[in-house]
Amino acid sequence: MSWGYGFRPYVPVAQRRAKAAKETAKMAKSGRTVSPINLSGRKIASTFWGKAWCDNLEAYSDYANRLPRGRTYVRNGSVVDLQIDNGKITALVSGSELYRIEIRIQSLPDTHWSRVQRECTGKIDSLIEMLQGRLSSGVMQTVTRKDGGLFPRPAEIRMTCSCPDSAGLCKHLAATLYGVGARLDEAPELLFRLRGVDPAELISKASATDAIQQTTAAGSGPGLSDSDLADVFGIELETSMAALPKPQSPSPKRRPATANVAKPKVIPKGRRPKTKPPAKRIAAKPD
């Protein structure tokens, strides 16, 4: 059977989803962890890190023609699995078949990372601010700039898809790249892992510890524990109570020692012994 121009016949979205669900269910039974991209609305990303990733993609004319189809695919749930690791993104995207995606991204060059460190040193107050994207305008410009920022350029990206589309960026790859933006909404630390850099080099342990202590002292509302932050950013935080000054407990009052002190004898009233009056002195007569 010929499909003409090398393209396969259109398959409705519902049918694609059902087929993909069967495939991922098999993978889950075999022990593979499947992590789909599920959007609650049309917005792909809503946090600083997720939006910055998507804005970076859309800033390059190399991707302009294929990105709209990718947005449609990620919005309708076609990215049924997305994994991000050191310098590598793998995904499964539902189309006429379940296509396998692999995207390789170069590590951030040492010279660029050193410059980012210099420009950000002392300007990020806490891990919580960094995680939530509450950064100064100067830091935002540093991490998002096209040349030397944290986000990759097209020349640093190598992509393959198992679909028959010969385009450099097919709609399945575009959907995967948008899916990364959605995933950074949930886990912005994955950007640092993807670029092969350590976020602890931007934020000192002291700043991280202060942030955790402030969160603990507040004691209200949802927050990140010290172990959560350590797991997120891959650093060890010295936040145990042993590191904090312990309050001095008041020493118990000491009673005066009574072992060698004789207690006064108490005599009941009315039973006191009679005392003899002192003897009168008789003056001696002169001889």
C-alpha atoms as a PDB file:
ATOM      1  CA  MET A   1       0.000   0.000   0.000  1.00  0.00           C
ATOM      2  CA  SER A   2       1.321   3.423  -0.937  1.00  0.00           C
ATOM      3  CA  TRP A   3       0.820   6.436   1.316  1.00  0.00           C
ATOM      4  CA  GLY A   4       2.152   9.004  -1.129  1.00  0.00           C
ATOM      5  CA  TYR A   5       5.017  11.399  -0.424  1.00  0.00           C
ATOM      6  CA  GLY A   6       6.275   8.995   2.240  1.00  0.00           C
ATOM      7  CA  PHE A   7       3.675  10.041   4.831  1.00  0.00           C
ATOM      8  CA  ARG A   8       1.462   7.604   6.698  1.00  0.00           C
ATOM      9  CA  PRO A   9      -2.327   7.990   6.907  1.00  0.00           C
ATOM     10  CA  TYR A  10      -3.754  10.229   9.626  1.00  0.00           C
ATOM     11  CA  VAL A  11      -4.643   8.492  12.866  1.00  0.00           C
ATOM     12  CA  PRO A  12      -7.134  10.207  15.229  1.00  0.00           C
ATOM     13  CA  VAL A  13      -5.749  11.456  18.535  1.00  0.00           C
ATOM     14  CA  ALA A  14      -7.965   9.179  20.631  1.00  0.00           C
ATOM     15  CA  GLN A  15      -6.785   6.126  18.696  1.00  0.00           C
ATOM     16  CA  ARG A  16      -3.143   7.177  19.073  1.00  0.00           C
ATOM     17  CA  ARG A  17      -3.581   7.650  22.819  1.00  0.00           C
ATOM     18  CA  ALA A  18      -5.192   4.244  23.250  1.00  0.00           C
ATOM     19  CA  LYS A  19      -2.371   2.561  21.362  1.00  0.00           C
ATOM     20  CA  ALA A  20       0.270   4.444  23.307  1.00  0.00           C
ATOM     21  CA  ALA A  21      -1.422   3.551  26.599  1.00  0.00           C
ATOM     22  CA  LYS A  22      -1.157  -0.154  25.784  1.00  0.00           C
ATOM     23  CA  GLU A  23       2.519   0.173  24.925  1.00  0.00           C
ATOM     24  CA  THR A  24       3.409   2.128  28.062  1.00  0.00           C
ATOM     25  CA  ALA A  25       1.424  -0.299  30.213  1.00  0.00           C
ATOM     26  CA  LYS A  26       3.590  -3.117  28.903  1.00  0.00           C
ATOM     27  CA  MET A  27       6.712  -1.114  29.733  1.00  0.00           C
ATOM     28  CA  ALA A  28       5.490  -0.424  33.240  1.00  0.00           C
ATOM     29  CA  LYS A  29       4.895  -4.132  33.823  1.00  0.00           C
ATOM     30  CA  SER A  30       8.436  -4.872  32.701  1.00  0.00           C
ATOM     31  CA  GLY A  31       9.772  -2.491  35.349  1.00  0.00           C
ATOM     32  CA  ARG A  32      10.426   0.609  33.254  1.00  0.00           C
ATOM     33  CA  THR A  33       9.441   3.926  34.809  1.00  0.00           C
ATOM     34  CA  VAL A  34       7.209   5.897  32.448  1.00  0.00           C
ATOM     35  CA  SER A  35       6.879   9.638  32.981  1.00  0.00           C
ATOM     36  CA  PRO A  36       4.379  11.294  30.608  1.00  0.00           C
ATOM     37  CA  ILE A  37       3.824  15.007  30.030  1.00  0.00           C
ATOM     38  CA  ASN A  38       0.298  15.880  31.144  1.00  0.00           C
ATOM     39  CA  LEU A  39      -0.772  19.498  30.813  1.00  0.00           C
ATOM     40  CA  SER A  40      -3.769  20.827  32.710  1.00  0.00           C
ATOM     41  CA  GLY A  41      -4.549  23.442  30.040  1.00  0.00           C
ATOM     42  CA  ARG A  42      -3.163  24.964  26.885  1.00  0.00           C
ATOM     43  CA  LYS A  43      -0.270  26.622  28.684  1.00  0.00           C
ATOM     44  CA  ILE A  44       2.871  24.507  28.305  1.00  0.00           C
ATOM     45  CA  ALA A  45       4.963  26.174  30.999  1.00  0.00           C
ATOM     46  CA  SER A  46       4.118  28.637  33.753  1.00  0.00           C
ATOM     47  CA  THR A  47       7.290  29.050  35.842  1.00  0.00           C
ATOM     48  CA  PHE A  48      10.395  31.087  35.075  1.00  0.00           C
ATOM     49  CA  TRP A  49      12.516  28.042  34.183  1.00  0.00           C
ATOM     50  CA  GLY A  50       9.915  26.356  31.991  1.00  0.00           C
ATOM     51  CA  LYS A  51       8.989  29.525  30.122  1.00  0.00           C
ATOM     52  CA  ALA A  52      12.636  30.479  29.673  1.00  0.00           C
ATOM     53  CA  TRP A  53      13.323  27.090  28.051  1.00  0.00           C
ATOM     54  CA  CYS A  54      10.401  27.500  25.633  1.00  0.00           C
ATOM     55  CA  ASP A  55      11.336  31.115  24.862  1.00  0.00           C
ATOM     56  CA  ASN A  56      14.864  29.966  24.055  1.00  0.00           C
ATOM     57  CA  LEU A  57      13.524  27.419  21.553  1.00  0.00           C
ATOM     58  CA  GLU A  58      11.298  29.962  19.858  1.00  0.00           C
ATOM     59  CA  ALA A  59      14.137  32.496  19.571  1.00  0.00           C
ATOM     60  CA  TYR A  60      15.891  30.433  16.881  1.00  0.00           C
ATOM     61  CA  SER A  61      14.681  30.585  13.293  1.00  0.00           C
ATOM     62  CA  ASP A  62      16.007  27.038  12.734  1.00  0.00           C
ATOM     63  CA  TYR A  63      12.977  25.716  14.616  1.00  0.00           C
ATOM     64  CA  ALA A  64      10.290  28.180  13.524  1.00  0.00           C
ATOM     65  CA  ASN A  65       8.524  26.001  10.932  1.00  0.00           C
ATOM     66  CA  ARG A  66       8.151  22.870  13.043  1.00  0.00           C
ATOM     67  CA  LEU A  67       7.454  24.218  16.510  1.00  0.00           C
ATOM     68  CA  PRO A  68       3.698  24.855  16.032  1.00  0.00           C
ATOM     69  CA  ARG A  69       3.004  21.154  15.330  1.00  0.00           C
ATOM     70  CA  GLY A  70       5.124  20.259  18.318  1.00  0.00           C
ATOM     71  CA  ARG A  71       3.014  22.495  20.563  1.00  0.00           C
ATOM     72  CA  THR A  72      -0.118  20.725  19.359  1.00  0.00           C
ATOM     73  CA  TYR A  73       1.360  17.310  20.066  1.00  0.00           C
ATOM     74  CA  VAL A  74       2.521  18.102  23.579  1.00  0.00           C
ATOM     75  CA  ARG A  75      -0.814  19.725  24.435  1.00  0.00           C
ATOM     76  CA  ASN A  76      -2.853  16.699  23.359  1.00  0.00           C
ATOM     77  CA  GLY A  77      -0.791  14.334  25.514  1.00  0.00           C
ATOM     78  CA  SER A  78       1.279  12.734  22.761  1.00  0.00           C
ATOM     79  CA  VAL A  79       4.503  12.786  24.809  1.00  0.00           C
ATOM     80  CA  VAL A  80       3.839   9.627  26.799  1.00  0.00           C
ATOM     81  CA  ASP A  81       7.285   9.376  28.343  1.00  0.00           C
ATOM     82  CA  LEU A  82      10.077  11.898  28.907  1.00  0.00           C
ATOM     83  CA  GLN A  83      13.376  11.277  30.706  1.00  0.00           C
ATOM     84  CA  ILE A  84      16.110  13.865  31.316  1.00  0.00           C
ATOM     85  CA  ASP A  85      19.635  12.918  32.345  1.00  0.00           C
ATOM     86  CA  ASN A  86      23.178  14.214  31.994  1.00  0.00           C
ATOM     87  CA  GLY A  87      23.378  15.614  28.472  1.00  0.00           C
ATOM     88  CA  LYS A  88      20.563  13.391  27.235  1.00  0.00           C
ATOM     89  CA  ILE A  89      16.791  13.495  26.697  1.00  0.00           C
ATOM     90  CA  THR A  90      14.837  10.395  25.717  1.00  0.00           C
ATOM     91  CA  ALA A  91      11.129  10.269  24.971  1.00  0.00           C
ATOM     92  CA  LEU A  92       8.284   8.267  23.516  1.00  0.00           C
ATOM     93  CA  VAL A  93       5.871  10.257  21.366  1.00  0.00           C
ATOM     94  CA  SER A  94       2.588   8.903  20.107  1.00  0.00           C
ATOM     95  CA  GLY A  95       1.943   9.372  16.379  1.00  0.00           C
ATOM     96  CA  SER A  96       0.847   6.897  13.735  1.00  0.00           C
ATOM     97  CA  GLU A  97       3.103   4.663  15.837  1.00  0.00           C
ATOM     98  CA  LEU A  98       4.965   5.098  19.100  1.00  0.00           C
ATOM     99  CA  TYR A  99       8.140   6.896  18.072  1.00  0.00           C
ATOM    100  CA  ARG A 100      11.394   6.874  20.009  1.00  0.00           C
ATOM    101  CA  ILE A 101      13.244  10.125  20.539  1.00  0.00           C
ATOM    102  CA  GLU A 102      16.839  10.767  21.564  1.00  0.00           C
ATOM    103  CA  ILE A 103      18.249  14.267  21.984  1.00  0.00           C
ATOM    104  CA  ARG A 104      21.871  14.882  22.922  1.00  0.00           C
ATOM    105  CA  ILE A 105      22.821  18.246  24.387  1.00  0.00           C
ATOM    106  CA  GLN A 106      26.411  19.321  24.921  1.00  0.00           C
ATOM    107  CA  SER A 107      27.622  20.193  28.389  1.00  0.00           C
ATOM    108  CA  LEU A 108      27.928  23.881  29.131  1.00  0.00           C
ATOM    109  CA  PRO A 109      31.491  24.944  28.207  1.00  0.00           C
ATOM    110  CA  ASP A 110      33.705  25.639  31.219  1.00  0.00           C
ATOM    111  CA  THR A 111      34.375  29.206  30.093  1.00  0.00           C
ATOM    112  CA  HIS A 112      30.642  29.963  29.883  1.00  0.00           C
ATOM    113  CA  TRP A 113      29.933  28.347  33.236  1.00  0.00           C
ATOM    114  CA  SER A 114      32.755  30.273  34.894  1.00  0.00           C
ATOM    115  CA  ARG A 115      31.341  33.512  33.560  1.00  0.00           C
ATOM    116  CA  VAL A 116      27.852  32.636  34.803  1.00  0.00           C
ATOM    117  CA  GLN A 117      29.319  31.909  38.239  1.00  0.00           C
ATOM    118  CA  ARG A 118      31.150  35.223  38.371  1.00  0.00           C
ATOM    119  CA  GLU A 119      28.093  37.198  37.344  1.00  0.00           C
ATOM    120  CA  CYS A 120      25.743  35.398  39.751  1.00  0.00           C
ATOM    121  CA  THR A 121      27.970  35.223  42.825  1.00  0.00           C
ATOM    122  CA  GLY A 122      26.307  36.962  45.766  1.00  0.00           C
ATOM    123  CA  LYS A 123      23.164  37.784  43.762  1.00  0.00           C
ATOM    124  CA  ILE A 124      21.109  34.684  44.610  1.00  0.00           C
ATOM    125  CA  ASP A 125      19.990  34.799  48.225  1.00  0.00           C
ATOM    126  CA  SER A 126      18.691  31.264  48.694  1.00  0.00           C
ATOM    127  CA  LEU A 127      17.951  27.922  47.075  1.00  0.00           C
ATOM    128  CA  ILE A 128      14.244  28.572  47.464  1.00  0.00           C
ATOM    129  CA  GLU A 129      14.463  31.774  45.439  1.00  0.00           C
ATOM    130  CA  MET A 130      16.448  30.019  42.760  1.00  0.00           C
ATOM    131  CA  LEU A 131      14.030  27.105  42.615  1.00  0.00           C
ATOM    132  CA  GLN A 132      11.050  29.432  42.320  1.00  0.00           C
ATOM    133  CA  GLY A 133      12.773  31.627  39.749  1.00  0.00           C
ATOM    134  CA  ARG A 134      12.639  34.710  41.989  1.00  0.00           C
ATOM    135  CA  LEU A 135      15.852  36.165  40.614  1.00  0.00           C
ATOM    136  CA  SER A 136      17.064  39.670  39.978  1.00  0.00           C
ATOM    137  CA  SER A 137      16.833  41.006  36.433  1.00  0.00           C
ATOM    138  CA  GLY A 138      20.611  40.824  36.120  1.00  0.00           C
ATOM    139  CA  VAL A 139      20.721  37.127  37.015  1.00  0.00           C
ATOM    140  CA  MET A 140      17.803  36.403  34.680  1.00  0.00           C
ATOM    141  CA  GLN A 141      19.641  38.031  31.798  1.00  0.00           C
ATOM    142  CA  THR A 142      22.763  36.044  32.631  1.00  0.00           C
ATOM    143  CA  VAL A 143      21.141  32.604  32.675  1.00  0.00           C
ATOM    144  CA  THR A 144      18.854  33.176  29.666  1.00  0.00           C
ATOM    145  CA  ARG A 145      21.150  34.934  27.180  1.00  0.00           C
ATOM    146  CA  LYS A 146      21.666  33.153  23.867  1.00  0.00           C
ATOM    147  CA  ASP A 147      25.447  33.042  24.019  1.00  0.00           C
ATOM    148  CA  GLY A 148      26.867  31.759  27.269  1.00  0.00           C
ATOM    149  CA  GLY A 149      23.624  31.254  29.197  1.00  0.00           C
ATOM    150  CA  LEU A 150      22.317  28.009  30.670  1.00  0.00           C
ATOM    151  CA  PHE A 151      20.041  27.131  27.742  1.00  0.00           C
ATOM    152  CA  PRO A 152      21.434  25.309  24.695  1.00  0.00           C
ATOM    153  CA  ARG A 153      21.848  26.715  21.193  1.00  0.00           C
ATOM    154  CA  PRO A 154      20.789  24.706  18.112  1.00  0.00           C
ATOM    155  CA  ALA A 155      24.461  23.956  17.365  1.00  0.00           C
ATOM    156  CA  GLU A 156      24.711  22.206  20.747  1.00  0.00           C
ATOM    157  CA  ILE A 157      21.730  19.918  20.098  1.00  0.00           C
ATOM    158  CA  ARG A 158      21.710  16.612  18.186  1.00  0.00           C
ATOM    159  CA  MET A 159      18.326  14.949  17.647  1.00  0.00           C
ATOM    160  CA  THR A 160      17.014  11.665  16.231  1.00  0.00           C
ATOM    161  CA  CYS A 161      13.492  10.310  15.870  1.00  0.00           C
ATOM    162  CA  SER A 162      12.364   6.902  14.649  1.00  0.00           C
ATOM    163  CA  CYS A 163       9.621   8.434  12.470  1.00  0.00           C
ATOM    164  CA  PRO A 164       9.989   8.532   8.634  1.00  0.00           C
ATOM    165  CA  ASP A 165      10.022  12.352   8.507  1.00  0.00           C
ATOM    166  CA  SER A 166      13.380  13.435   7.100  1.00  0.00           C
ATOM    167  CA  ALA A 167      13.180  16.966   8.519  1.00  0.00           C
ATOM    168  CA  GLY A 168      15.859  17.983  10.977  1.00  0.00           C
ATOM    169  CA  LEU A 169      13.157  18.816  13.519  1.00  0.00           C
ATOM    170  CA  CYS A 170      10.029  16.715  13.115  1.00  0.00           C
ATOM    171  CA  LYS A 171       6.857  17.379  15.111  1.00  0.00           C
ATOM    172  CA  HIS A 172       7.721  14.562  17.520  1.00  0.00           C
ATOM    173  CA  LEU A 173      11.077  16.123  18.335  1.00  0.00           C
ATOM    174  CA  ALA A 174       9.445  19.537  18.677  1.00  0.00           C
ATOM    175  CA  ALA A 175       6.872  18.084  21.071  1.00  0.00           C
ATOM    176  CA  THR A 176       9.674  16.548  23.124  1.00  0.00           C
ATOM    177  CA  LEU A 177      11.544  19.850  23.348  1.00  0.00           C
ATOM    178  CA  TYR A 178       8.377  21.585  24.542  1.00  0.00           C
ATOM    179  CA  GLY A 179       7.859  18.726  26.969  1.00  0.00           C
ATOM    180  CA  VAL A 180      11.217  19.588  28.551  1.00  0.00           C
ATOM    181  CA  GLY A 181       9.854  23.065  29.283  1.00  0.00           C
ATOM    182  CA  ALA A 182       6.826  21.547  30.997  1.00  0.00           C
ATOM    183  CA  ARG A 183       9.059  19.222  33.012  1.00  0.00           C
ATOM    184  CA  LEU A 184      11.254  22.127  34.173  1.00  0.00           C
ATOM    185  CA  ASP A 185       8.132  23.608  35.749  1.00  0.00           C
ATOM    186  CA  GLU A 186       8.189  20.639  38.126  1.00  0.00           C
ATOM    187  CA  ALA A 187      11.933  20.062  38.437  1.00  0.00           C
ATOM    188  CA  PRO A 188      14.099  23.029  37.370  1.00  0.00           C
ATOM    189  CA  GLU A 189      17.209  21.294  38.702  1.00  0.00           C
ATOM    190  CA  LEU A 190      17.067  19.020  35.648  1.00  0.00           C
ATOM    191  CA  LEU A 191      18.347  21.905  33.526  1.00  0.00           C
ATOM    192  CA  PHE A 192      21.613  21.889  35.479  1.00  0.00           C
ATOM    193  CA  ARG A 193      21.884  18.114  35.149  1.00  0.00           C
ATOM    194  CA  LEU A 194      21.223  18.338  31.431  1.00  0.00           C
ATOM    195  CA  ARG A 195      23.998  20.923  30.965  1.00  0.00           C
ATOM    196  CA  GLY A 196      26.444  19.053  33.204  1.00  0.00           C
ATOM    197  CA  VAL A 197      26.941  21.782  35.810  1.00  0.00           C
ATOM    198  CA  ASP A 198      26.585  21.906  39.586  1.00  0.00           C
ATOM    199  CA  PRO A 199      24.094  24.481  40.965  1.00  0.00           C
ATOM    200  CA  ALA A 200      25.915  24.380  44.307  1.00  0.00           C
ATOM    201  CA  GLU A 201      28.606  26.480  42.635  1.00  0.00           C
ATOM    202  CA  LEU A 202      26.104  29.315  42.260  1.00  0.00           C
ATOM    203  CA  ILE A 203      24.735  29.171  45.797  1.00  0.00           C
ATOM    204  CA  SER A 204      26.875  28.684  48.884  1.00  0.00           C
ATOM    205  CA  LYS A 205      26.009  26.157  51.549  1.00  0.00           C
ATOM    206  CA  ALA A 206      25.670  28.975  54.028  1.00  0.00           C
ATOM    207  CA  SER A 207      22.966  30.641  51.937  1.00  0.00           C
ATOM    208  CA  ALA A 208      21.150  27.343  51.530  1.00  0.00           C
ATOM    209  CA  THR A 209      21.260  26.670  55.266  1.00  0.00           C
ATOM    210  CA  ASP A 210      19.921  30.141  56.047  1.00  0.00           C
ATOM    211  CA  ALA A 211      17.033  29.600  53.654  1.00  0.00           C
ATOM    212  CA  ILE A 212      16.090  26.318  55.284  1.00  0.00           C
ATOM    213  CA  GLN A 213      16.298  27.761  58.790  1.00  0.00           C
ATOM    214  CA  GLN A 214      14.050  30.650  57.768  1.00  0.00           C
ATOM    215  CA  THR A 215      11.534  28.232  56.278  1.00  0.00           C
ATOM    216  CA  THR A 216      11.612  26.060  59.396  1.00  0.00           C
ATOM    217  CA  ALA A 217      11.230  29.078  61.671  1.00  0.00           C
ATOM    218  CA  ALA A 218       8.186  30.266  59.714  1.00  0.00           C
ATOM    219  CA  GLY A 219       6.494  26.931  60.337  1.00  0.00           C
ATOM    220  CA  SER A 220       3.484  27.676  58.144  1.00  0.00           C
ATOM    221  CA  GLY A 221       2.440  26.800  54.637  1.00  0.00           C
ATOM    222  CA  PRO A 222       4.006  24.266  52.267  1.00  0.00           C
ATOM    223  CA  GLY A 223       7.761  24.365  52.052  1.00  0.00           C
ATOM    224  CA  LEU A 224      10.805  22.327  51.185  1.00  0.00           C
ATOM    225  CA  SER A 225      12.629  20.474  53.905  1.00  0.00           C
ATOM    226  CA  ASP A 226      16.395  20.444  54.084  1.00  0.00           C
ATOM    227  CA  SER A 227      16.487  16.893  52.711  1.00  0.00           C
ATOM    228  CA  ASP A 228      14.233  17.928  49.796  1.00  0.00           C
ATOM    229  CA  LEU A 229      16.502  20.811  48.877  1.00  0.00           C
ATOM    230  CA  ALA A 230      19.593  18.660  49.218  1.00  0.00           C
ATOM    231  CA  ASP A 231      18.053  16.046  46.902  1.00  0.00           C
ATOM    232  CA  VAL A 232      16.930  18.672  44.428  1.00  0.00           C
ATOM    233  CA  PHE A 233      20.298  20.363  44.078  1.00  0.00           C
ATOM    234  CA  GLY A 234      22.563  17.421  44.829  1.00  0.00           C
ATOM    235  CA  ILE A 235      24.440  19.037  47.695  1.00  0.00           C
ATOM    236  CA  GLU A 236      24.821  18.256  51.361  1.00  0.00           C
ATOM    237  CA  LEU A 237      23.398  20.858  53.681  1.00  0.00           C
ATOM    238  CA  GLU A 238      24.632  21.119  57.275  1.00  0.00           C
ATOM    239  CA  THR A 239      21.300  21.882  58.852  1.00  0.00           C
ATOM    240  CA  SER A 240      21.141  19.501  61.767  1.00  0.00           C
ATOM    241  CA  MET A 241      20.270  20.862  65.153  1.00  0.00           C
ATOM    242  CA  ALA A 242      23.762  19.961  66.282  1.00  0.00           C
ATOM    243  CA  ALA A 243      25.079  22.754  64.088  1.00  0.00           C
ATOM    244  CA  LEU A 244      22.854  25.296  65.788  1.00  0.00           C
ATOM    245  CA  PRO A 245      23.613  26.782  69.230  1.00  0.00           C
ATOM    246  CA  LYS A 246      21.678  24.908  71.880  1.00  0.00           C
ATOM    247  CA  PRO A 247      19.775  27.009  74.387  1.00  0.00           C
ATOM    248  CA  GLN A 248      21.158  26.857  77.914  1.00  0.00           C
ATOM    249  CA  SER A 249      18.667  25.272  80.290  1.00  0.00           C
ATOM    250  CA  PRO A 250      18.504  26.902  83.720  1.00  0.00           C
ATOM    251  CA  SER A 251      20.458  24.936  86.283  1.00  0.00           C
ATOM    252  CA  PRO A 252      18.386  23.587  89.190  1.00  0.00           C
ATOM    253  CA  LYS A 253      18.572  25.586  92.406  1.00  0.00           C
ATOM    254  CA  ARG A 254      20.864  24.005  94.925  1.00  0.00           C
ATOM    255  CA  ARG A 255      19.650  23.504  98.422  1.00  0.00           C
ATOM    256  CA  PRO A 256      22.060  24.374 101.204  1.00  0.00           C
ATOM    257  CA  ALA A 257      23.905  21.395 102.569  1.00  0.00           C
ATOM    258  CA  THR A 258      22.303  20.214 105.836  1.00  0.00           C
ATOM    259  CA  ALA A 259      24.323  17.135 106.637  1.00  0.00           C
ATOM    260  CA  ASN A 260      26.527  18.747 109.305  1.00  0.00           C
ATOM    261  CA  VAL A 261      24.175  21.407 110.607  1.00  0.00           C
ATOM    262  CA  ALA A 262      22.367  20.668 113.871  1.00  0.00           C
ATOM    263  CA  LYS A 263      18.686  21.479 113.829  1.00  0.00           C
ATOM    264  CA  PRO A 264      17.459  23.675 116.699  1.00  0.00           C
ATOM    265  CA  LYS A 265      15.415  21.796 119.263  1.00  0.00           C
ATOM    266  CA  VAL A 266      11.832  22.960 119.373  1.00  0.00           C
ATOM    267  CA  ILE A 267      10.200  22.870 122.813  1.00  0.00           C
ATOM    268  CA  PRO A 268       6.447  22.935 122.998  1.00  0.00           C
ATOM    269  CA  LYS A 269       4.923  26.023 124.519  1.00  0.00           C
ATOM    270  CA  GLY A 270       3.984  25.638 128.203  1.00  0.00           C
ATOM    271  CA  ARG A 271       6.496  22.926 128.880  1.00  0.00           C
ATOM    272  CA  ARG A 272       9.586  25.015 129.021  1.00  0.00           C
ATOM    273  CA  PRO A 273      11.816  24.224 132.075  1.00  0.00           C
ATOM    274  CA  LYS A 274      11.843  26.701 134.894  1.00  0.00           C
ATOM    275  CA  THR A 275      15.048  28.568 135.280  1.00  0.00           C
ATOM    276  CA  LYS A 276      16.450  29.430 138.706  1.00  0.00           C
ATOM    277  CA  PRO A 277      16.939  33.102 139.429  1.00  0.00           C
ATOM    278  CA  PRO A 278      20.546  34.119 139.680  1.00  0.00           C
ATOM    279  CA  ALA A 279      21.985  33.877 143.202  1.00  0.00           C
ATOM    280  CA  LYS A 280      22.134  37.111 145.160  1.00  0.00           C
ATOM    281  CA  ARG A 281      25.533  38.343 146.079  1.00  0.00           C
ATOM    282  CA  ILE A 282      26.043  39.134 149.823  1.00  0.00           C
ATOM    283  CA  ALA A 283      28.360  41.921 150.490  1.00  0.00           C
ATOM    284  CA  ALA A 284      31.148  40.992 152.845  1.00  0.00           C
ATOM    285  CA  LYS A 285      31.229  42.791 156.217  1.00  0.00           C
ATOM    286  CA  PRO A 286      34.401  44.642 157.059  1.00  0.00           C
ATOM    287  CA  ASP A 287      36.541  42.940 159.658  1.00  0.00           C
END
